Amino acid sequence: MFENGLSLIIFGSIAILYFVRILIYISQFLLIVWKDVKEMTSIIKNDITGIEVGRELR
């Protein structure tokens, strides 16, 4: 009984850690995509308005 409960706790904690790792990877990917989208919209807006940015983003 004790060994079964112990293995259940160990496997449960491993599953939780993998779930947290997957959430971290997804959030990092979304952050990278969000930064790229912001940069591209800034470039497109500057091309449309004709206003040059002080530092080149491209």
PDB file of N, CA and C in Angstrom:
ATOM      1  N   MET A   1       0.831  -1.203   0.000  1.00  0.00           N
ATOM      2  CA  MET A   1       0.000   0.000   0.000  1.00  0.00           C
ATOM      3  C   MET A   1       0.870   1.259   0.000  1.00  0.00           C
ATOM      4  N   PHE A   2       1.906   1.252   0.849  1.00  0.00           N
ATOM      5  CA  PHE A   2       2.765   2.426   0.942  1.00  0.00           C
ATOM      6  C   PHE A   2       3.541   2.632  -0.355  1.00  0.00           C
ATOM      7  N   GLU A   3       4.037   1.528  -0.948  1.00  0.00           N
ATOM      8  CA  GLU A   3       4.816   1.652  -2.176  1.00  0.00           C
ATOM      9  C   GLU A   3       3.944   2.149  -3.325  1.00  0.00           C
ATOM     10  N   ASN A   4       2.702   1.722  -3.367  1.00  0.00           N
ATOM     11  CA  ASN A   4       1.795   2.170  -4.416  1.00  0.00           C
ATOM     12  C   ASN A   4       1.510   3.669  -4.275  1.00  0.00           C
ATOM     13  N   GLY A   5       1.293   4.128  -3.056  1.00  0.00           N
ATOM     14  CA  GLY A   5       1.047   5.553  -2.830  1.00  0.00           C
ATOM     15  C   GLY A   5       2.268   6.395  -3.136  1.00  0.00           C
ATOM     16  N   LEU A   6       3.444   5.857  -2.793  1.00  0.00           N
ATOM     17  CA  LEU A   6       4.682   6.592  -3.053  1.00  0.00           C
ATOM     18  C   LEU A   6       4.932   6.726  -4.552  1.00  0.00           C
ATOM     19  N   SER A   7       4.726   5.649  -5.290  1.00  0.00           N
ATOM     20  CA  SER A   7       4.923   5.727  -6.739  1.00  0.00           C
ATOM     21  C   SER A   7       3.884   6.651  -7.377  1.00  0.00           C
ATOM     22  N   LEU A   8       2.680   6.664  -6.825  1.00  0.00           N
ATOM     23  CA  LEU A   8       1.652   7.570  -7.334  1.00  0.00           C
ATOM     24  C   LEU A   8       2.061   9.025  -7.124  1.00  0.00           C
ATOM     25  N   ILE A   9       2.624   9.326  -5.962  1.00  0.00           N
ATOM     26  CA  ILE A   9       3.087  10.692  -5.682  1.00  0.00           C
ATOM     27  C   ILE A   9       4.234  11.068  -6.618  1.00  0.00           C
ATOM     28  N   ILE A  10       5.169  10.142  -6.830  1.00  0.00           N
ATOM     29  CA  ILE A  10       6.323  10.425  -7.691  1.00  0.00           C
ATOM     30  C   ILE A  10       5.874  10.659  -9.130  1.00  0.00           C
ATOM     31  N   PHE A  11       5.030   9.767  -9.653  1.00  0.00           N
ATOM     32  CA  PHE A  11       4.569   9.930 -11.030  1.00  0.00           C
ATOM     33  C   PHE A  11       3.688  11.166 -11.177  1.00  0.00           C
ATOM     34  N   GLY A  12       2.917  11.480 -10.169  1.00  0.00           N
ATOM     35  CA  GLY A  12       2.095  12.685 -10.217  1.00  0.00           C
ATOM     36  C   GLY A  12       2.939  13.946 -10.250  1.00  0.00           C
ATOM     37  N   SER A  13       4.004  13.977  -9.442  1.00  0.00           N
ATOM     38  CA  SER A  13       4.864  15.159  -9.432  1.00  0.00           C
ATOM     39  C   SER A  13       5.621  15.298 -10.748  1.00  0.00           C
ATOM     40  N   ILE A  14       6.027  14.170 -11.339  1.00  0.00           N
ATOM     41  CA  ILE A  14       6.695  14.233 -12.643  1.00  0.00           C
ATOM     42  C   ILE A  14       5.736  14.765 -13.700  1.00  0.00           C
ATOM     43  N   ALA A  15       4.493  14.306 -13.668  1.00  0.00           N
ATOM     44  CA  ALA A  15       3.504  14.784 -14.639  1.00  0.00           C
ATOM     45  C   ALA A  15       3.248  16.276 -14.468  1.00  0.00           C
ATOM     46  N   ILE A  16       3.178  16.740 -13.224  1.00  0.00           N
ATOM     47  CA  ILE A  16       2.960  18.170 -12.971  1.00  0.00           C
ATOM     48  C   ILE A  16       4.143  18.987 -13.479  1.00  0.00           C
ATOM     49  N   LEU A  17       5.369  18.500 -13.261  1.00  0.00           N
ATOM     50  CA  LEU A  17       6.551  19.224 -13.731  1.00  0.00           C
ATOM     51  C   LEU A  17       6.586  19.302 -15.257  1.00  0.00           C
ATOM     52  N   TYR A  18       6.231  18.219 -15.939  1.00  0.00           N
ATOM     53  CA  TYR A  18       6.181  18.267 -17.399  1.00  0.00           C
ATOM     54  C   TYR A  18       5.097  19.221 -17.886  1.00  0.00           C
ATOM     55  N   PHE A  19       3.965  19.255 -17.203  1.00  0.00           N
ATOM     56  CA  PHE A  19       2.893  20.176 -17.572  1.00  0.00           C
ATOM     57  C   PHE A  19       3.352  21.624 -17.411  1.00  0.00           C
ATOM     58  N   VAL A  20       4.051  21.916 -16.317  1.00  0.00           N
ATOM     59  CA  VAL A  20       4.568  23.270 -16.091  1.00  0.00           C
ATOM     60  C   VAL A  20       5.601  23.622 -17.156  1.00  0.00           C
ATOM     61  N   ARG A  21       6.446  22.654 -17.521  1.00  0.00           N
ATOM     62  CA  ARG A  21       7.449  22.902 -18.553  1.00  0.00           C
ATOM     63  C   ARG A  21       6.785  23.222 -19.891  1.00  0.00           C
ATOM     64  N   ILE A  22       5.733  22.495 -20.232  1.00  0.00           N
ATOM     65  CA  ILE A  22       5.010  22.759 -21.478  1.00  0.00           C
ATOM     66  C   ILE A  22       4.385  24.152 -21.445  1.00  0.00           C
ATOM     67  N   LEU A  23       3.816  24.542 -20.308  1.00  0.00           N
ATOM     68  CA  LEU A  23       3.241  25.889 -20.194  1.00  0.00           C
ATOM     69  C   LEU A  23       4.307  26.965 -20.362  1.00  0.00           C
ATOM     70  N   ILE A  24       5.497  26.734 -19.807  1.00  0.00           N
ATOM     71  CA  ILE A  24       6.585  27.705 -19.940  1.00  0.00           C
ATOM     72  C   ILE A  24       7.018  27.820 -21.395  1.00  0.00           C
ATOM     73  N   TYR A  25       7.144  26.681 -22.090  1.00  0.00           N
ATOM     74  CA  TYR A  25       7.525  26.720 -23.503  1.00  0.00           C
ATOM     75  C   TYR A  25       6.491  27.463 -24.338  1.00  0.00           C
ATOM     76  N   ILE A  26       5.214  27.209 -24.074  1.00  0.00           N
ATOM     77  CA  ILE A  26       4.155  27.883 -24.829  1.00  0.00           C
ATOM     78  C   ILE A  26       4.185  29.385 -24.563  1.00  0.00           C
ATOM     79  N   SER A  27       4.389  29.784 -23.297  1.00  0.00           N
ATOM     80  CA  SER A  27       4.411  31.213 -22.987  1.00  0.00           C
ATOM     81  C   SER A  27       5.629  31.891 -23.605  1.00  0.00           C
ATOM     82  N   GLN A  28       6.786  31.212 -23.633  1.00  0.00           N
ATOM     83  CA  GLN A  28       7.960  31.792 -24.277  1.00  0.00           C
ATOM     84  C   GLN A  28       7.735  31.968 -25.776  1.00  0.00           C
ATOM     85  N   PHE A  29       7.119  30.970 -26.408  1.00  0.00           N
ATOM     86  CA  PHE A  29       6.834  31.057 -27.837  1.00  0.00           C
ATOM     87  C   PHE A  29       5.885  32.214 -28.127  1.00  0.00           C
ATOM     88  N   LEU A  30       4.837  32.349 -27.316  1.00  0.00           N
ATOM     89  CA  LEU A  30       3.880  33.436 -27.532  1.00  0.00           C
ATOM     90  C   LEU A  30       4.524  34.797 -27.311  1.00  0.00           C
ATOM     91  N   LEU A  31       5.453  34.891 -26.353  1.00  0.00           N
ATOM     92  CA  LEU A  31       6.148  36.154 -26.117  1.00  0.00           C
ATOM     93  C   LEU A  31       7.013  36.525 -27.318  1.00  0.00           C
ATOM     94  N   ILE A  32       7.705  35.553 -27.896  1.00  0.00           N
ATOM     95  CA  ILE A  32       8.525  35.818 -29.078  1.00  0.00           C
ATOM     96  C   ILE A  32       7.646  36.255 -30.244  1.00  0.00           C
ATOM     97  N   VAL A  33       6.527  35.556 -30.449  1.00  0.00           N
ATOM     98  CA  VAL A  33       5.619  35.913 -31.541  1.00  0.00           C
ATOM     99  C   VAL A  33       5.056  37.311 -31.321  1.00  0.00           C
ATOM    100  N   TRP A  34       4.691  37.644 -30.074  1.00  0.00           N
ATOM    101  CA  TRP A  34       4.133  38.965 -29.774  1.00  0.00           C
ATOM    102  C   TRP A  34       5.152  40.061 -30.064  1.00  0.00           C
ATOM    103  N   LYS A  35       6.425  39.843 -29.684  1.00  0.00           N
ATOM    104  CA  LYS A  35       7.455  40.847 -29.956  1.00  0.00           C
ATOM    105  C   LYS A  35       7.655  41.030 -31.458  1.00  0.00           C
ATOM    106  N   ASP A  36       7.647  39.930 -32.203  1.00  0.00           N
ATOM    107  CA  ASP A  36       7.810  40.030 -33.651  1.00  0.00           C
ATOM    108  C   ASP A  36       6.639  40.756 -34.294  1.00  0.00           C
ATOM    109  N   VAL A  37       5.428  40.477 -33.838  1.00  0.00           N
ATOM    110  CA  VAL A  37       4.251  41.149 -34.398  1.00  0.00           C
ATOM    111  C   VAL A  37       4.310  42.643 -34.101  1.00  0.00           C
ATOM    112  N   LYS A  38       4.704  43.017 -32.878  1.00  0.00           N
ATOM    113  CA  LYS A  38       4.826  44.438 -32.544  1.00  0.00           C
ATOM    114  C   LYS A  38       5.873  45.117 -33.412  1.00  0.00           C
ATOM    115  N   GLU A  39       7.002  44.445 -33.632  1.00  0.00           N
ATOM    116  CA  GLU A  39       8.055  45.027 -34.451  1.00  0.00           C
ATOM    117  C   GLU A  39       7.596  45.193 -35.900  1.00  0.00           C
ATOM    118  N   MET A  40       6.908  44.190 -36.415  1.00  0.00           N
ATOM    119  CA  MET A  40       6.446  44.284 -37.804  1.00  0.00           C
ATOM    120  C   MET A  40       5.386  45.365 -37.974  1.00  0.00           C
ATOM    121  N   THR A  41       4.470  45.493 -37.013  1.00  0.00           N
ATOM    122  CA  THR A  41       3.470  46.561 -37.124  1.00  0.00           C
ATOM    123  C   THR A  41       4.127  47.929 -37.034  1.00  0.00           C
ATOM    124  N   SER A  42       5.173  48.047 -36.224  1.00  0.00           N
ATOM    125  CA  SER A  42       5.888  49.316 -36.135  1.00  0.00           C
ATOM    126  C   SER A  42       6.567  49.644 -37.463  1.00  0.00           C
ATOM    127  N   ILE A  43       7.171  48.646 -38.086  1.00  0.00           N
ATOM    128  CA  ILE A  43       7.830  48.872 -39.375  1.00  0.00           C
ATOM    129  C   ILE A  43       6.808  49.249 -40.440  1.00  0.00           C
ATOM    130  N   ILE A  44       5.690  48.542 -40.472  1.00  0.00           N
ATOM    131  CA  ILE A  44       4.654  48.835 -41.474  1.00  0.00           C
ATOM    132  C   ILE A  44       4.073  50.224 -41.247  1.00  0.00           C
ATOM    133  N   LYS A  45       3.833  50.578 -39.979  1.00  0.00           N
ATOM    134  CA  LYS A  45       3.288  51.904 -39.674  1.00  0.00           C
ATOM    135  C   LYS A  45       4.259  52.997 -40.091  1.00  0.00           C
ATOM    136  N   ASN A  46       5.547  52.786 -39.840  1.00  0.00           N
ATOM    137  CA  ASN A  46       6.542  53.784 -40.219  1.00  0.00           C
ATOM    138  C   ASN A  46       6.677  53.878 -41.734  1.00  0.00           C
ATOM    139  N   ASP A  47       6.524  52.761 -42.442  1.00  0.00           N
ATOM    140  CA  ASP A  47       6.570  52.810 -43.909  1.00  0.00           C
ATOM    141  C   ASP A  47       5.367  53.561 -44.466  1.00  0.00           C
ATOM    142  N   ILE A  48       4.211  53.383 -43.843  1.00  0.00           N
ATOM    143  CA  ILE A  48       3.004  54.056 -44.332  1.00  0.00           C
ATOM    144  C   ILE A  48       3.066  55.550 -44.039  1.00  0.00           C
ATOM    145  N   THR A  49       3.446  55.912 -42.821  1.00  0.00           N
ATOM    146  CA  THR A  49       3.458  57.326 -42.446  1.00  0.00           C
ATOM    147  C   THR A  49       4.681  58.056 -42.969  1.00  0.00           C
ATOM    148  N   GLY A  50       5.749  57.326 -43.286  1.00  0.00           N
ATOM    149  CA  GLY A  50       6.958  57.959 -43.796  1.00  0.00           C
ATOM    150  C   GLY A  50       7.842  58.520 -42.711  1.00  0.00           C
ATOM    151  N   ILE A  51       7.525  58.245 -41.462  1.00  0.00           N
ATOM    152  CA  ILE A  51       8.339  58.739 -40.351  1.00  0.00           C
ATOM    153  C   ILE A  51       9.425  57.701 -40.068  1.00  0.00           C
ATOM    154  N   GLU A  52      10.663  58.160 -40.061  1.00  0.00           N
ATOM    155  CA  GLU A  52      11.771  57.243 -39.802  1.00  0.00           C
ATOM    156  C   GLU A  52      11.959  57.065 -38.301  1.00  0.00           C
ATOM    157  N   VAL A  53      12.316  55.866 -37.929  1.00  0.00           N
ATOM    158  CA  VAL A  53      12.583  55.573 -36.526  1.00  0.00           C
ATOM    159  C   VAL A  53      14.035  55.916 -36.253  1.00  0.00           C
ATOM    160  N   GLY A  54      14.316  56.393 -35.031  1.00  0.00           N
ATOM    161  CA  GLY A  54      15.671  56.765 -34.675  1.00  0.00           C
ATOM    162  C   GLY A  54      16.644  55.615 -34.795  1.00  0.00           C
ATOM    163  N   ARG A  55      16.230  54.457 -34.369  1.00  0.00           N
ATOM    164  CA  ARG A  55      17.097  53.289 -34.488  1.00  0.00           C
ATOM    165  C   ARG A  55      16.446  52.327 -35.460  1.00  0.00           C
ATOM    166  N   GLU A  56      17.265  51.718 -36.267  1.00  0.00           N
ATOM    167  CA  GLU A  56      16.747  50.830 -37.314  1.00  0.00           C
ATOM    168  C   GLU A  56      16.368  49.492 -36.701  1.00  0.00           C
ATOM    169  N   LEU A  57      15.130  49.059 -36.955  1.00  0.00           N
ATOM    170  CA  LEU A  57      14.651  47.805 -36.381  1.00  0.00           C
ATOM    171  C   LEU A  57      14.835  46.632 -37.330  1.00  0.00           C
ATOM    172  N   ARG A  58      15.040  46.929 -38.594  1.00  0.00           N
ATOM    173  CA  ARG A  58      15.100  45.827 -39.564  1.00  0.00           C
ATOM    174  C   ARG A  58      16.420  45.157 -39.550  1.00  0.00           C
TER     175      ARG A  58
END
